[in-house]
Amino acid sequence: MDISLFLLISMAAFTIAAALFAVFTKNTTTAILSAGVSGLFASVIYVLLAAPDVAMTEASIGSGLTTFIFFFALKKIREES
């Protein structure tokens, strides 16, 4: 088995595991962090598939900015209640 195929399959498994953990966890903070980690694993998959522009976009927008916005919204919700 080629090492890049092994890395691709393992990153895909980690992405799915992180996404499932985000869906089924009871803690909101943990769910947000798991969703961000899922996006980071997806960006590694894009690098392995030779799409560095998509990987950079996924890492910055999909993982970084989206996670920040979720935490900002969670903070606002907790302040109002």
C-alpha atoms as a PDB file:
ATOM      1  CA  MET A   1       0.000   0.000   0.000  1.00  0.00           C
ATOM      2  CA  ASP A   2       1.339   3.405  -0.935  1.00  0.00           C
ATOM      3  CA  ILE A   3       2.041   5.772   1.969  1.00  0.00           C
ATOM      4  CA  SER A   4      -0.023   8.597   0.452  1.00  0.00           C
ATOM      5  CA  LEU A   5      -3.036   6.307   0.118  1.00  0.00           C
ATOM      6  CA  PHE A   6      -2.591   5.225   3.738  1.00  0.00           C
ATOM      7  CA  LEU A   7      -2.415   8.877   4.850  1.00  0.00           C
ATOM      8  CA  LEU A   8      -5.477   9.743   2.789  1.00  0.00           C
ATOM      9  CA  ILE A   9      -7.539   6.912   4.258  1.00  0.00           C
ATOM     10  CA  SER A  10      -6.422   7.657   7.811  1.00  0.00           C
ATOM     11  CA  MET A  11      -7.167  11.396   7.454  1.00  0.00           C
ATOM     12  CA  ALA A  12     -10.593  10.545   6.042  1.00  0.00           C
ATOM     13  CA  ALA A  13     -11.261   8.269   9.017  1.00  0.00           C
ATOM     14  CA  PHE A  14     -10.142  10.975  11.462  1.00  0.00           C
ATOM     15  CA  THR A  15     -12.354  13.529   9.686  1.00  0.00           C
ATOM     16  CA  ILE A  16     -15.395  11.296   9.966  1.00  0.00           C
ATOM     17  CA  ALA A  17     -14.601  10.479  13.611  1.00  0.00           C
ATOM     18  CA  ALA A  18     -14.249  14.164  14.523  1.00  0.00           C
ATOM     19  CA  ALA A  19     -17.479  15.027  12.716  1.00  0.00           C
ATOM     20  CA  LEU A  20     -19.381  12.248  14.467  1.00  0.00           C
ATOM     21  CA  PHE A  21     -17.931  13.339  17.807  1.00  0.00           C
ATOM     22  CA  ALA A  22     -19.116  16.890  17.092  1.00  0.00           C
ATOM     23  CA  VAL A  23     -22.610  15.662  16.334  1.00  0.00           C
ATOM     24  CA  PHE A  24     -23.046  13.322  19.292  1.00  0.00           C
ATOM     25  CA  THR A  25     -21.324  15.200  22.104  1.00  0.00           C
ATOM     26  CA  LYS A  26     -23.410  16.979  24.737  1.00  0.00           C
ATOM     27  CA  ASN A  27     -20.949  19.804  25.416  1.00  0.00           C
ATOM     28  CA  THR A  28     -21.292  22.727  22.995  1.00  0.00           C
ATOM     29  CA  THR A  29     -17.691  23.875  23.338  1.00  0.00           C
ATOM     30  CA  THR A  30     -16.421  20.389  22.560  1.00  0.00           C
ATOM     31  CA  ALA A  31     -18.721  20.176  19.555  1.00  0.00           C
ATOM     32  CA  ILE A  32     -17.398  23.457  18.159  1.00  0.00           C
ATOM     33  CA  LEU A  33     -13.799  22.365  18.623  1.00  0.00           C
ATOM     34  CA  SER A  34     -14.500  18.985  17.025  1.00  0.00           C
ATOM     35  CA  ALA A  35     -16.068  20.653  14.022  1.00  0.00           C
ATOM     36  CA  GLY A  36     -12.974  22.827  13.676  1.00  0.00           C
ATOM     37  CA  VAL A  37     -10.693  19.802  13.898  1.00  0.00           C
ATOM     38  CA  SER A  38     -12.801  18.100  11.258  1.00  0.00           C
ATOM     39  CA  GLY A  39     -12.181  21.048   8.950  1.00  0.00           C
ATOM     40  CA  LEU A  40      -8.441  20.894   9.620  1.00  0.00           C
ATOM     41  CA  PHE A  41      -8.357  17.223   8.734  1.00  0.00           C
ATOM     42  CA  ALA A  42     -10.274  18.036   5.563  1.00  0.00           C
ATOM     43  CA  SER A  43      -7.652  20.626   4.638  1.00  0.00           C
ATOM     44  CA  VAL A  44      -4.925  17.995   5.051  1.00  0.00           C
ATOM     45  CA  ILE A  45      -6.897  15.741   2.719  1.00  0.00           C
ATOM     46  CA  TYR A  46      -6.983  18.535   0.135  1.00  0.00           C
ATOM     47  CA  VAL A  47      -3.210  18.905   0.388  1.00  0.00           C
ATOM     48  CA  LEU A  48      -2.791  15.164  -0.158  1.00  0.00           C
ATOM     49  CA  LEU A  49      -5.049  15.411  -3.207  1.00  0.00           C
ATOM     50  CA  ALA A  50      -2.809  18.181  -4.642  1.00  0.00           C
ATOM     51  CA  ALA A  51      -5.274  21.046  -4.151  1.00  0.00           C
ATOM     52  CA  PRO A  52      -3.325  23.503  -1.996  1.00  0.00           C
ATOM     53  CA  ASP A  53      -5.557  26.474  -2.831  1.00  0.00           C
ATOM     54  CA  VAL A  54      -8.634  24.632  -1.598  1.00  0.00           C
ATOM     55  CA  ALA A  55      -6.685  23.453   1.462  1.00  0.00           C
ATOM     56  CA  MET A  56      -5.703  27.016   2.380  1.00  0.00           C
ATOM     57  CA  THR A  57      -9.286  28.188   1.994  1.00  0.00           C
ATOM     58  CA  GLU A  58     -10.626  25.316   4.091  1.00  0.00           C
ATOM     59  CA  ALA A  59      -8.049  25.890   6.807  1.00  0.00           C
ATOM     60  CA  SER A  60      -8.624  29.627   7.039  1.00  0.00           C
ATOM     61  CA  ILE A  61     -12.363  29.911   6.452  1.00  0.00           C
ATOM     62  CA  GLY A  62     -13.713  26.451   7.215  1.00  0.00           C
ATOM     63  CA  SER A  63     -11.712  25.847  10.359  1.00  0.00           C
ATOM     64  CA  GLY A  64     -10.465  29.167  11.643  1.00  0.00           C
ATOM     65  CA  LEU A  65     -13.138  31.734  10.909  1.00  0.00           C
ATOM     66  CA  THR A  66     -16.118  29.437  11.331  1.00  0.00           C
ATOM     67  CA  THR A  67     -14.866  28.206  14.700  1.00  0.00           C
ATOM     68  CA  PHE A  68     -14.268  31.784  15.821  1.00  0.00           C
ATOM     69  CA  ILE A  69     -17.785  32.835  14.750  1.00  0.00           C
ATOM     70  CA  PHE A  70     -19.330  29.867  16.576  1.00  0.00           C
ATOM     71  CA  PHE A  71     -17.481  30.745  19.784  1.00  0.00           C
ATOM     72  CA  PHE A  72     -18.450  34.411  19.404  1.00  0.00           C
ATOM     73  CA  ALA A  73     -22.115  33.464  18.956  1.00  0.00           C
ATOM     74  CA  LEU A  74     -21.951  31.091  21.928  1.00  0.00           C
ATOM     75  CA  LYS A  75     -20.514  33.874  24.093  1.00  0.00           C
ATOM     76  CA  LYS A  76     -23.303  36.254  23.023  1.00  0.00           C
ATOM     77  CA  ILE A  77     -25.976  33.670  23.759  1.00  0.00           C
ATOM     78  CA  ARG A  78     -24.568  32.980  27.214  1.00  0.00           C
ATOM     79  CA  GLU A  79     -24.404  36.714  27.995  1.00  0.00           C
ATOM     80  CA  GLU A  80     -28.073  37.223  27.123  1.00  0.00           C
ATOM     81  CA  SER A  81     -29.369  34.317  29.180  1.00  0.00           C
END
